PDB file of N, CA and C in Angstrom:
ATOM      1  N   UNK A   1      -7.325  -7.197 -10.088  1.00  0.00           N
ATOM      2  CA  UNK A   1      -6.533  -7.871  -9.089  1.00  0.00           C
ATOM      3  C   UNK A   1      -7.368  -7.978  -7.808  1.00  0.00           C
ATOM      4  N   UNK A   2      -7.264  -9.109  -7.152  1.00  0.00           N
ATOM      5  CA  UNK A   2      -7.918  -9.330  -5.858  1.00  0.00           C
ATOM      6  C   UNK A   2      -6.928  -8.954  -4.754  1.00  0.00           C
ATOM      7  N   UNK A   3      -7.400  -8.249  -3.716  1.00  0.00           N
ATOM      8  CA  UNK A   3      -6.535  -7.826  -2.615  1.00  0.00           C
ATOM      9  C   UNK A   3      -6.932  -8.521  -1.322  1.00  0.00           C
ATOM     10  N   UNK A   4      -5.923  -8.903  -0.545  1.00  0.00           N
ATOM     11  CA  UNK A   4      -6.127  -9.469   0.785  1.00  0.00           C
ATOM     12  C   UNK A   4      -5.192  -8.759   1.748  1.00  0.00           C
ATOM     13  N   UNK A   5      -5.730  -8.406   2.920  1.00  0.00           N
ATOM     14  CA  UNK A   5      -4.954  -7.653   3.906  1.00  0.00           C
ATOM     15  C   UNK A   5      -4.443  -8.568   5.011  1.00  0.00           C
ATOM     16  N   UNK A   6      -3.196  -8.344   5.424  1.00  0.00           N
ATOM     17  CA  UNK A   6      -2.656  -9.063   6.577  1.00  0.00           C
ATOM     18  C   UNK A   6      -3.252  -8.449   7.846  1.00  0.00           C
ATOM     19  N   UNK A   7      -3.180  -9.182   8.948  1.00  0.00           N
ATOM     20  CA  UNK A   7      -3.698  -8.658  10.219  1.00  0.00           C
ATOM     21  C   UNK A   7      -2.943  -7.391  10.636  1.00  0.00           C
ATOM     22  N   UNK A   8      -1.671  -7.339  10.339  1.00  0.00           N
ATOM     23  CA  UNK A   8      -0.873  -6.145  10.675  1.00  0.00           C
ATOM     24  C   UNK A   8      -1.361  -4.938   9.879  1.00  0.00           C
ATOM     25  N   UNK A   9      -1.647  -5.140   8.606  1.00  0.00           N
ATOM     26  CA  UNK A   9      -2.142  -4.048   7.771  1.00  0.00           C
ATOM     27  C   UNK A   9      -3.469  -3.528   8.336  1.00  0.00           C
ATOM     28  N   UNK A  10      -4.368  -4.435   8.692  1.00  0.00           N
ATOM     29  CA  UNK A  10      -5.674  -4.040   9.231  1.00  0.00           C
ATOM     30  C   UNK A  10      -5.504  -3.271  10.536  1.00  0.00           C
ATOM     31  N   UNK A  11      -4.650  -3.755  11.408  1.00  0.00           N
ATOM     32  CA  UNK A  11      -4.401  -3.075  12.682  1.00  0.00           C
ATOM     33  C   UNK A  11      -3.866  -1.659  12.445  1.00  0.00           C
ATOM     34  N   UNK A  12      -2.896  -1.537  11.557  1.00  0.00           N
ATOM     35  CA  UNK A  12      -2.319  -0.219  11.277  1.00  0.00           C
ATOM     36  C   UNK A  12      -3.340   0.706  10.609  1.00  0.00           C
ATOM     37  N   UNK A  13      -4.164   0.152   9.728  1.00  0.00           N
ATOM     38  CA  UNK A  13      -5.204   0.931   9.048  1.00  0.00           C
ATOM     39  C   UNK A  13      -6.147   1.555  10.073  1.00  0.00           C
ATOM     40  N   UNK A  14      -6.551   0.792  11.068  1.00  0.00           N
ATOM     41  CA  UNK A  14      -7.489   1.279  12.088  1.00  0.00           C
ATOM     42  C   UNK A  14      -6.914   2.422  12.906  1.00  0.00           C
ATOM     43  N   UNK A  15      -5.613   2.547  12.942  1.00  0.00           N
ATOM     44  CA  UNK A  15      -4.947   3.624  13.697  1.00  0.00           C
ATOM     45  C   UNK A  15      -4.803   4.916  12.883  1.00  0.00           C
ATOM     46  N   UNK A  16      -5.075   4.841  11.602  1.00  0.00           N
ATOM     47  CA  UNK A  16      -4.939   6.021  10.746  1.00  0.00           C
ATOM     48  C   UNK A  16      -6.070   7.009  11.007  1.00  0.00           C
ATOM     49  N   UNK A  17      -5.827   8.297  10.760  1.00  0.00           N
ATOM     50  CA  UNK A  17      -6.909   9.287  10.845  1.00  0.00           C
ATOM     51  C   UNK A  17      -8.023   8.948   9.836  1.00  0.00           C
ATOM     52  N   UNK A  18      -9.244   9.359  10.155  1.00  0.00           N
ATOM     53  CA  UNK A  18     -10.408   9.039   9.327  1.00  0.00           C
ATOM     54  C   UNK A  18     -10.225   9.451   7.873  1.00  0.00           C
ATOM     55  N   UNK A  19      -9.683  10.626   7.621  1.00  0.00           N
ATOM     56  CA  UNK A  19      -9.505  11.095   6.245  1.00  0.00           C
ATOM     57  C   UNK A  19      -8.525  10.203   5.477  1.00  0.00           C
ATOM     58  N   UNK A  20      -7.462   9.767   6.129  1.00  0.00           N
ATOM     59  CA  UNK A  20      -6.500   8.883   5.464  1.00  0.00           C
ATOM     60  C   UNK A  20      -7.141   7.514   5.228  1.00  0.00           C
ATOM     61  N   UNK A  21      -7.958   7.035   6.158  1.00  0.00           N
ATOM     62  CA  UNK A  21      -8.676   5.773   5.944  1.00  0.00           C
ATOM     63  C   UNK A  21      -9.550   5.864   4.692  1.00  0.00           C
ATOM     64  N   UNK A  22     -10.242   6.988   4.524  1.00  0.00           N
ATOM     65  CA  UNK A  22     -11.077   7.191   3.336  1.00  0.00           C
ATOM     66  C   UNK A  22     -10.218   7.138   2.065  1.00  0.00           C
ATOM     67  N   UNK A  23      -9.060   7.785   2.110  1.00  0.00           N
ATOM     68  CA  UNK A  23      -8.159   7.783   0.953  1.00  0.00           C
ATOM     69  C   UNK A  23      -7.616   6.381   0.675  1.00  0.00           C
ATOM     70  N   UNK A  24      -7.327   5.623   1.744  1.00  0.00           N
ATOM     71  CA  UNK A  24      -6.852   4.242   1.569  1.00  0.00           C
ATOM     72  C   UNK A  24      -7.912   3.414   0.867  1.00  0.00           C
ATOM     73  N   UNK A  25      -9.160   3.527   1.305  1.00  0.00           N
ATOM     74  CA  UNK A  25     -10.257   2.771   0.668  1.00  0.00           C
ATOM     75  C   UNK A  25     -10.356   3.089  -0.816  1.00  0.00           C
ATOM     76  N   UNK A  26     -10.281   4.370  -1.152  1.00  0.00           N
ATOM     77  CA  UNK A  26     -10.362   4.779  -2.559  1.00  0.00           C
ATOM     78  C   UNK A  26      -9.164   4.249  -3.346  1.00  0.00           C
ATOM     79  N   UNK A  27      -7.984   4.318  -2.753  1.00  0.00           N
ATOM     80  CA  UNK A  27      -6.780   3.807  -3.416  1.00  0.00           C
ATOM     81  C   UNK A  27      -6.896   2.309  -3.675  1.00  0.00           C
ATOM     82  N   UNK A  28      -7.369   1.562  -2.682  1.00  0.00           N
ATOM     83  CA  UNK A  28      -7.502   0.110  -2.846  1.00  0.00           C
ATOM     84  C   UNK A  28      -8.557  -0.238  -3.895  1.00  0.00           C
ATOM     85  N   UNK A  29      -9.637   0.544  -3.955  1.00  0.00           N
ATOM     86  CA  UNK A  29     -10.654   0.318  -4.994  1.00  0.00           C
ATOM     87  C   UNK A  29     -10.042   0.515  -6.380  1.00  0.00           C
ATOM     88  N   UNK A  30      -9.263   1.594  -6.526  1.00  0.00           N
ATOM     89  CA  UNK A  30      -8.609   1.850  -7.822  1.00  0.00           C
ATOM     90  C   UNK A  30      -7.614   0.734  -8.164  1.00  0.00           C
ATOM     91  N   UNK A  31      -6.854   0.296  -7.172  1.00  0.00           N
ATOM     92  CA  UNK A  31      -5.860  -0.749  -7.400  1.00  0.00           C
ATOM     93  C   UNK A  31      -6.533  -2.034  -7.878  1.00  0.00           C
ATOM     94  N   UNK A  32      -7.648  -2.397  -7.268  1.00  0.00           N
ATOM     95  CA  UNK A  32      -8.366  -3.603  -7.702  1.00  0.00           C
ATOM     96  C   UNK A  32      -8.925  -3.447  -9.107  1.00  0.00           C
ATOM     97  N   UNK A  33      -9.468  -2.265  -9.400  1.00  0.00           N
ATOM     98  CA  UNK A  33     -10.097  -2.025 -10.700  1.00  0.00           C
ATOM     99  C   UNK A  33      -9.096  -1.829 -11.824  1.00  0.00           C
ATOM    100  N   UNK A  34      -8.014  -1.090 -11.540  1.00  0.00           N
ATOM    101  CA  UNK A  34      -7.065  -0.733 -12.590  1.00  0.00           C
ATOM    102  C   UNK A  34      -5.703  -0.398 -11.987  1.00  0.00           C
ATOM    103  N   UNK A  35      -4.825  -1.398 -11.823  1.00  0.00           N
ATOM    104  CA  UNK A  35      -3.507  -1.139 -11.232  1.00  0.00           C
ATOM    105  C   UNK A  35      -2.671  -0.103 -11.993  1.00  0.00           C
ATOM    106  N   UNK A  36      -3.025   0.156 -13.237  1.00  0.00           N
ATOM    107  CA  UNK A  36      -2.274   1.130 -14.037  1.00  0.00           C
ATOM    108  C   UNK A  36      -2.856   2.541 -13.916  1.00  0.00           C
ATOM    109  N   UNK A  37      -3.846   2.755 -13.043  1.00  0.00           N
ATOM    110  CA  UNK A  37      -4.445   4.087 -12.892  1.00  0.00           C
ATOM    111  C   UNK A  37      -3.341   5.082 -12.539  1.00  0.00           C
ATOM    112  N   UNK A  38      -3.264   6.203 -13.264  1.00  0.00           N
ATOM    113  CA  UNK A  38      -2.140   7.134 -13.060  1.00  0.00           C
ATOM    114  C   UNK A  38      -2.047   7.716 -11.653  1.00  0.00           C
ATOM    115  N   UNK A  39      -3.148   7.852 -10.941  1.00  0.00           N
ATOM    116  CA  UNK A  39      -3.086   8.460  -9.608  1.00  0.00           C
ATOM    117  C   UNK A  39      -2.407   7.552  -8.584  1.00  0.00           C
ATOM    118  N   UNK A  40      -2.260   6.268  -8.893  1.00  0.00           N
ATOM    119  CA  UNK A  40      -1.651   5.333  -7.958  1.00  0.00           C
ATOM    120  C   UNK A  40      -0.130   5.451  -7.891  1.00  0.00           C
ATOM    121  N   UNK A  41       0.475   5.937  -8.959  1.00  0.00           N
ATOM    122  CA  UNK A  41       1.945   5.981  -9.036  1.00  0.00           C
ATOM    123  C   UNK A  41       2.509   4.602  -8.663  1.00  0.00           C
ATOM    124  N   UNK A  42       1.945   3.607  -9.267  1.00  0.00           N
ATOM    125  CA  UNK A  42       2.238   2.193  -8.997  1.00  0.00           C
ATOM    126  C   UNK A  42       3.651   1.867  -9.456  1.00  0.00           C
ATOM    127  N   UNK A  43       4.461   1.269  -8.553  1.00  0.00           N
ATOM    128  CA  UNK A  43       5.815   0.897  -8.959  1.00  0.00           C
ATOM    129  C   UNK A  43       6.325  -0.270  -8.119  1.00  0.00           C
ATOM    130  N   UNK A  44       7.292  -0.979  -8.657  1.00  0.00           N
ATOM    131  CA  UNK A  44       7.929  -2.090  -7.955  1.00  0.00           C
ATOM    132  C   UNK A  44       8.946  -1.513  -6.970  1.00  0.00           C
ATOM    133  N   UNK A  45       8.996  -2.082  -5.770  1.00  0.00           N
ATOM    134  CA  UNK A  45       9.972  -1.620  -4.771  1.00  0.00           C
ATOM    135  C   UNK A  45      11.323  -2.276  -5.023  1.00  0.00           C
ATOM    136  N   UNK A  46      12.351  -1.484  -4.986  1.00  0.00           N
ATOM    137  CA  UNK A  46      13.698  -2.008  -5.196  1.00  0.00           C
ATOM    138  C   UNK A  46      14.108  -2.902  -4.027  1.00  0.00           C
ATOM    139  N   UNK A  47      14.750  -4.013  -4.359  1.00  0.00           N
ATOM    140  CA  UNK A  47      15.303  -4.882  -3.329  1.00  0.00           C
ATOM    141  C   UNK A  47      14.343  -5.903  -2.759  1.00  0.00           C
ATOM    142  N   UNK A  48      13.072  -5.871  -3.182  1.00  0.00           N
ATOM    143  CA  UNK A  48      12.085  -6.831  -2.700  1.00  0.00           C
ATOM    144  C   UNK A  48      11.438  -7.521  -3.900  1.00  0.00           C
ATOM    145  N   UNK A  49      11.575  -8.835  -4.022  1.00  0.00           N
ATOM    146  CA  UNK A  49      10.938  -9.519  -5.144  1.00  0.00           C
ATOM    147  C   UNK A  49       9.417  -9.502  -5.000  1.00  0.00           C
ATOM    148  N   UNK A  50       8.728  -9.167  -6.070  1.00  0.00           N
ATOM    149  CA  UNK A  50       7.265  -9.186  -6.132  1.00  0.00           C
ATOM    150  C   UNK A  50       6.580  -8.239  -5.156  1.00  0.00           C
ATOM    151  N   UNK A  51       7.259  -7.178  -4.706  1.00  0.00           N
ATOM    152  CA  UNK A  51       6.651  -6.206  -3.799  1.00  0.00           C
ATOM    153  C   UNK A  51       6.495  -4.880  -4.542  1.00  0.00           C
ATOM    154  N   UNK A  52       5.300  -4.290  -4.402  1.00  0.00           N
ATOM    155  CA  UNK A  52       4.956  -3.067  -5.118  1.00  0.00           C
ATOM    156  C   UNK A  52       4.460  -2.012  -4.145  1.00  0.00           C
ATOM    157  N   UNK A  53       4.429  -0.776  -4.625  1.00  0.00           N
ATOM    158  CA  UNK A  53       4.014   0.362  -3.821  1.00  0.00           C
ATOM    159  C   UNK A  53       3.009   1.181  -4.611  1.00  0.00           C
ATOM    160  N   UNK A  54       1.980   1.694  -3.924  1.00  0.00           N
ATOM    161  CA  UNK A  54       1.034   2.630  -4.527  1.00  0.00           C
ATOM    162  C   UNK A  54       0.893   3.831  -3.599  1.00  0.00           C
ATOM    163  N   UNK A  55       0.560   4.964  -4.181  1.00  0.00           N
ATOM    164  CA  UNK A  55       0.446   6.210  -3.429  1.00  0.00           C
ATOM    165  C   UNK A  55      -0.984   6.402  -2.948  1.00  0.00           C
ATOM    166  N   UNK A  56      -1.125   6.676  -1.653  1.00  0.00           N
ATOM    167  CA  UNK A  56      -2.419   7.019  -1.062  1.00  0.00           C
ATOM    168  C   UNK A  56      -2.570   8.537  -1.041  1.00  0.00           C
ATOM    169  N   UNK A  57      -1.529   9.208  -0.595  1.00  0.00           N
ATOM    170  CA  UNK A  57      -1.500  10.667  -0.524  1.00  0.00           C
ATOM    171  C   UNK A  57      -0.060  11.094  -0.752  1.00  0.00           C
ATOM    172  N   UNK A  58       0.185  12.388  -0.632  1.00  0.00           N
ATOM    173  CA  UNK A  58       1.553  12.865  -0.809  1.00  0.00           C
ATOM    174  C   UNK A  58       2.489  12.187   0.183  1.00  0.00           C
ATOM    175  N   UNK A  59       2.003  11.892   1.394  1.00  0.00           N
ATOM    176  CA  UNK A  59       2.844  11.308   2.435  1.00  0.00           C
ATOM    177  C   UNK A  59       2.678   9.808   2.630  1.00  0.00           C
ATOM    178  N   UNK A  60       1.559   9.240   2.257  1.00  0.00           N
ATOM    179  CA  UNK A  60       1.266   7.843   2.590  1.00  0.00           C
ATOM    180  C   UNK A  60       1.333   6.927   1.373  1.00  0.00           C
ATOM    181  N   UNK A  61       1.978   5.779   1.570  1.00  0.00           N
ATOM    182  CA  UNK A  61       2.076   4.746   0.543  1.00  0.00           C
ATOM    183  C   UNK A  61       1.614   3.418   1.128  1.00  0.00           C
ATOM    184  N   UNK A  62       1.142   2.536   0.268  1.00  0.00           N
ATOM    185  CA  UNK A  62       0.806   1.166   0.660  1.00  0.00           C
ATOM    186  C   UNK A  62       1.733   0.240  -0.096  1.00  0.00           C
ATOM    187  N   UNK A  63       2.240  -0.769   0.598  1.00  0.00           N
ATOM    188  CA  UNK A  63       3.035  -1.798  -0.073  1.00  0.00           C
ATOM    189  C   UNK A  63       2.250  -3.096  -0.078  1.00  0.00           C
ATOM    190  N   UNK A  64       2.478  -3.873  -1.127  1.00  0.00           N
ATOM    191  CA  UNK A  64       1.838  -5.178  -1.201  1.00  0.00           C
ATOM    192  C   UNK A  64       2.721  -6.139  -1.974  1.00  0.00           C
ATOM    193  N   UNK A  65       2.544  -7.424  -1.671  1.00  0.00           N
ATOM    194  CA  UNK A  65       3.260  -8.494  -2.366  1.00  0.00           C
ATOM    195  C   UNK A  65       2.291  -9.133  -3.344  1.00  0.00           C
ATOM    196  N   UNK A  66       2.727  -9.272  -4.579  1.00  0.00           N
ATOM    197  CA  UNK A  66       1.855  -9.814  -5.619  1.00  0.00           C
ATOM    198  C   UNK A  66       2.214 -11.260  -5.923  1.00  0.00           C
ATOM    199  N   UNK A  67       1.195 -12.110  -5.909  1.00  0.00           N
ATOM    200  CA  UNK A  67       1.326 -13.511  -6.316  1.00  0.00           C
ATOM    201  C   UNK A  67       0.225 -13.789  -7.319  1.00  0.00           C
ATOM    202  N   UNK A  68       0.595 -13.887  -8.575  1.00  0.00           N
ATOM    203  CA  UNK A  68      -0.409 -14.080  -9.626  1.00  0.00           C
ATOM    204  C   UNK A  68      -1.339 -12.890  -9.682  1.00  0.00           C
ATOM    205  N   UNK A  69      -2.644 -13.142  -9.510  1.00  0.00           N
ATOM    206  CA  UNK A  69      -3.637 -12.081  -9.570  1.00  0.00           C
ATOM    207  C   UNK A  69      -4.101 -11.655  -8.173  1.00  0.00           C
ATOM    208  N   UNK A  70      -3.305 -11.954  -7.146  1.00  0.00           N
ATOM    209  CA  UNK A  70      -3.648 -11.588  -5.772  1.00  0.00           C
ATOM    210  C   UNK A  70      -2.568 -10.661  -5.211  1.00  0.00           C
ATOM    211  N   UNK A  71      -3.008  -9.569  -4.597  1.00  0.00           N
ATOM    212  CA  UNK A  71      -2.102  -8.652  -3.919  1.00  0.00           C
ATOM    213  C   UNK A  71      -2.316  -8.756  -2.427  1.00  0.00           C
ATOM    214  N   UNK A  72      -1.267  -9.097  -1.681  1.00  0.00           N
ATOM    215  CA  UNK A  72      -1.341  -9.225  -0.233  1.00  0.00           C
ATOM    216  C   UNK A  72      -0.861  -7.923   0.402  1.00  0.00           C
ATOM    217  N   UNK A  73      -1.811  -7.150   0.946  1.00  0.00           N
ATOM    218  CA  UNK A  73      -1.493  -5.867   1.572  1.00  0.00           C
ATOM    219  C   UNK A  73      -0.732  -6.143   2.849  1.00  0.00           C
ATOM    220  N   UNK A  74       0.481  -5.625   2.926  1.00  0.00           N
ATOM    221  CA  UNK A  74       1.307  -5.996   4.061  1.00  0.00           C
ATOM    222  C   UNK A  74       2.074  -4.858   4.686  1.00  0.00           C
ATOM    223  N   UNK A  75       1.875  -3.648   4.247  1.00  0.00           N
ATOM    224  CA  UNK A  75       2.631  -2.576   4.873  1.00  0.00           C
ATOM    225  C   UNK A  75       2.242  -1.207   4.380  1.00  0.00           C
ATOM    226  N   UNK A  76       2.812  -0.216   5.003  1.00  0.00           N
ATOM    227  CA  UNK A  76       2.618   1.157   4.591  1.00  0.00           C
ATOM    228  C   UNK A  76       3.886   1.937   4.877  1.00  0.00           C
ATOM    229  N   UNK A  77       4.001   3.078   4.224  1.00  0.00           N
ATOM    230  CA  UNK A  77       5.164   3.948   4.387  1.00  0.00           C
ATOM    231  C   UNK A  77       4.659   5.370   4.561  1.00  0.00           C
ATOM    232  N   UNK A  78       5.188   6.080   5.551  1.00  0.00           N
ATOM    233  CA  UNK A  78       4.869   7.487   5.769  1.00  0.00           C
ATOM    234  C   UNK A  78       6.068   8.301   5.325  1.00  0.00           C
ATOM    235  N   UNK A  79       5.869   9.156   4.335  1.00  0.00           N
ATOM    236  CA  UNK A  79       6.948   9.943   3.759  1.00  0.00           C
ATOM    237  C   UNK A  79       6.923  11.363   4.326  1.00  0.00           C
ATOM    238  N   UNK A  80       8.078  12.014   4.340  1.00  0.00           N
ATOM    239  CA  UNK A  80       8.183  13.435   4.664  1.00  0.00           C
ATOM    240  C   UNK A  80       8.976  14.087   3.549  1.00  0.00           C
ATOM    241  N   UNK A  81       9.111  15.395   3.599  1.00  0.00           N
ATOM    242  CA  UNK A  81       9.896  16.085   2.574  1.00  0.00           C
ATOM    243  C   UNK A  81      11.366  15.693   2.644  1.00  0.00           C
ATOM    244  N   UNK A  82      11.782  15.129   3.774  1.00  0.00           N
ATOM    245  CA  UNK A  82      13.175  14.712   3.954  1.00  0.00           C
ATOM    246  C   UNK A  82      13.390  13.223   3.671  1.00  0.00           C
ATOM    247  N   UNK A  83      12.338  12.508   3.340  1.00  0.00           N
ATOM    248  CA  UNK A  83      12.468  11.081   3.063  1.00  0.00           C
ATOM    249  C   UNK A  83      11.489  10.270   3.893  1.00  0.00           C
ATOM    250  N   UNK A  84      11.821   9.011   4.129  1.00  0.00           N
ATOM    251  CA  UNK A  84      10.931   8.113   4.856  1.00  0.00           C
ATOM    252  C   UNK A  84      10.985   8.427   6.343  1.00  0.00           C
ATOM    253  N   UNK A  85       9.814   8.646   6.948  1.00  0.00           N
ATOM    254  CA  UNK A  85       9.730   8.880   8.388  1.00  0.00           C
ATOM    255  C   UNK A  85       9.542   7.553   9.118  1.00  0.00           C
ATOM    256  N   UNK A  86       8.553   6.778   8.691  1.00  0.00           N
ATOM    257  CA  UNK A  86       8.287   5.478   9.300  1.00  0.00           C
ATOM    258  C   UNK A  86       7.934   4.492   8.212  1.00  0.00           C
ATOM    259  N   UNK A  87       8.315   3.263   8.413  1.00  0.00           N
ATOM    260  CA  UNK A  87       7.982   2.207   7.465  1.00  0.00           C
ATOM    261  C   UNK A  87       7.553   0.980   8.249  1.00  0.00           C
ATOM    262  N   UNK A  88       6.438   0.384   7.865  1.00  0.00           N
ATOM    263  CA  UNK A  88       5.948  -0.833   8.495  1.00  0.00           C
ATOM    264  C   UNK A  88       5.734  -1.825   7.369  1.00  0.00           C
ATOM    265  N   UNK A  89       6.701  -2.679   7.185  1.00  0.00           N
ATOM    266  CA  UNK A  89       6.614  -3.654   6.105  1.00  0.00           C
ATOM    267  C   UNK A  89       6.992  -5.014   6.638  1.00  0.00           C
ATOM    268  N   UNK A  90       6.218  -6.015   6.322  1.00  0.00           N
ATOM    269  CA  UNK A  90       6.549  -7.375   6.710  1.00  0.00           C
ATOM    270  C   UNK A  90       6.362  -8.273   5.505  1.00  0.00           C
ATOM    271  N   UNK A  91       7.265  -9.214   5.332  1.00  0.00           N
ATOM    272  CA  UNK A  91       7.118 -10.207   4.272  1.00  0.00           C
ATOM    273  C   UNK A  91       6.465 -11.421   4.912  1.00  0.00           C
ATOM    274  N   UNK A  92       5.330 -11.813   4.362  1.00  0.00           N
ATOM    275  CA  UNK A  92       4.603 -12.957   4.893  1.00  0.00           C
ATOM    276  C   UNK A  92       4.556 -14.048   3.839  1.00  0.00           C
ATOM    277  N   UNK A  93       4.619 -15.273   4.270  1.00  0.00           N
ATOM    278  CA  UNK A  93       4.531 -16.397   3.348  1.00  0.00           C
ATOM    279  C   UNK A  93       3.124 -16.930   3.285  1.00  0.00           C
TER     280      UNK A  93
END
């Protein structure tokens, strides 16, 4: 799968700590090479057509919208033991 990042995704990525940025890069490499890789915990998000989620770390997720063989990186989710702490997701056409 080919991945393309929205400007919002890039801006948010630059604000992440260096270690999380490294993990994001590795996650995106795996997603491009093999979306079924078990470490990704790849799944469709409920309530959003063609939107999927992959795991970066225990707390961080990336969301993307899939159109054919292209994944548009458009958001991230920060999880806590109590649930979602922050979510930055945008649907772009």
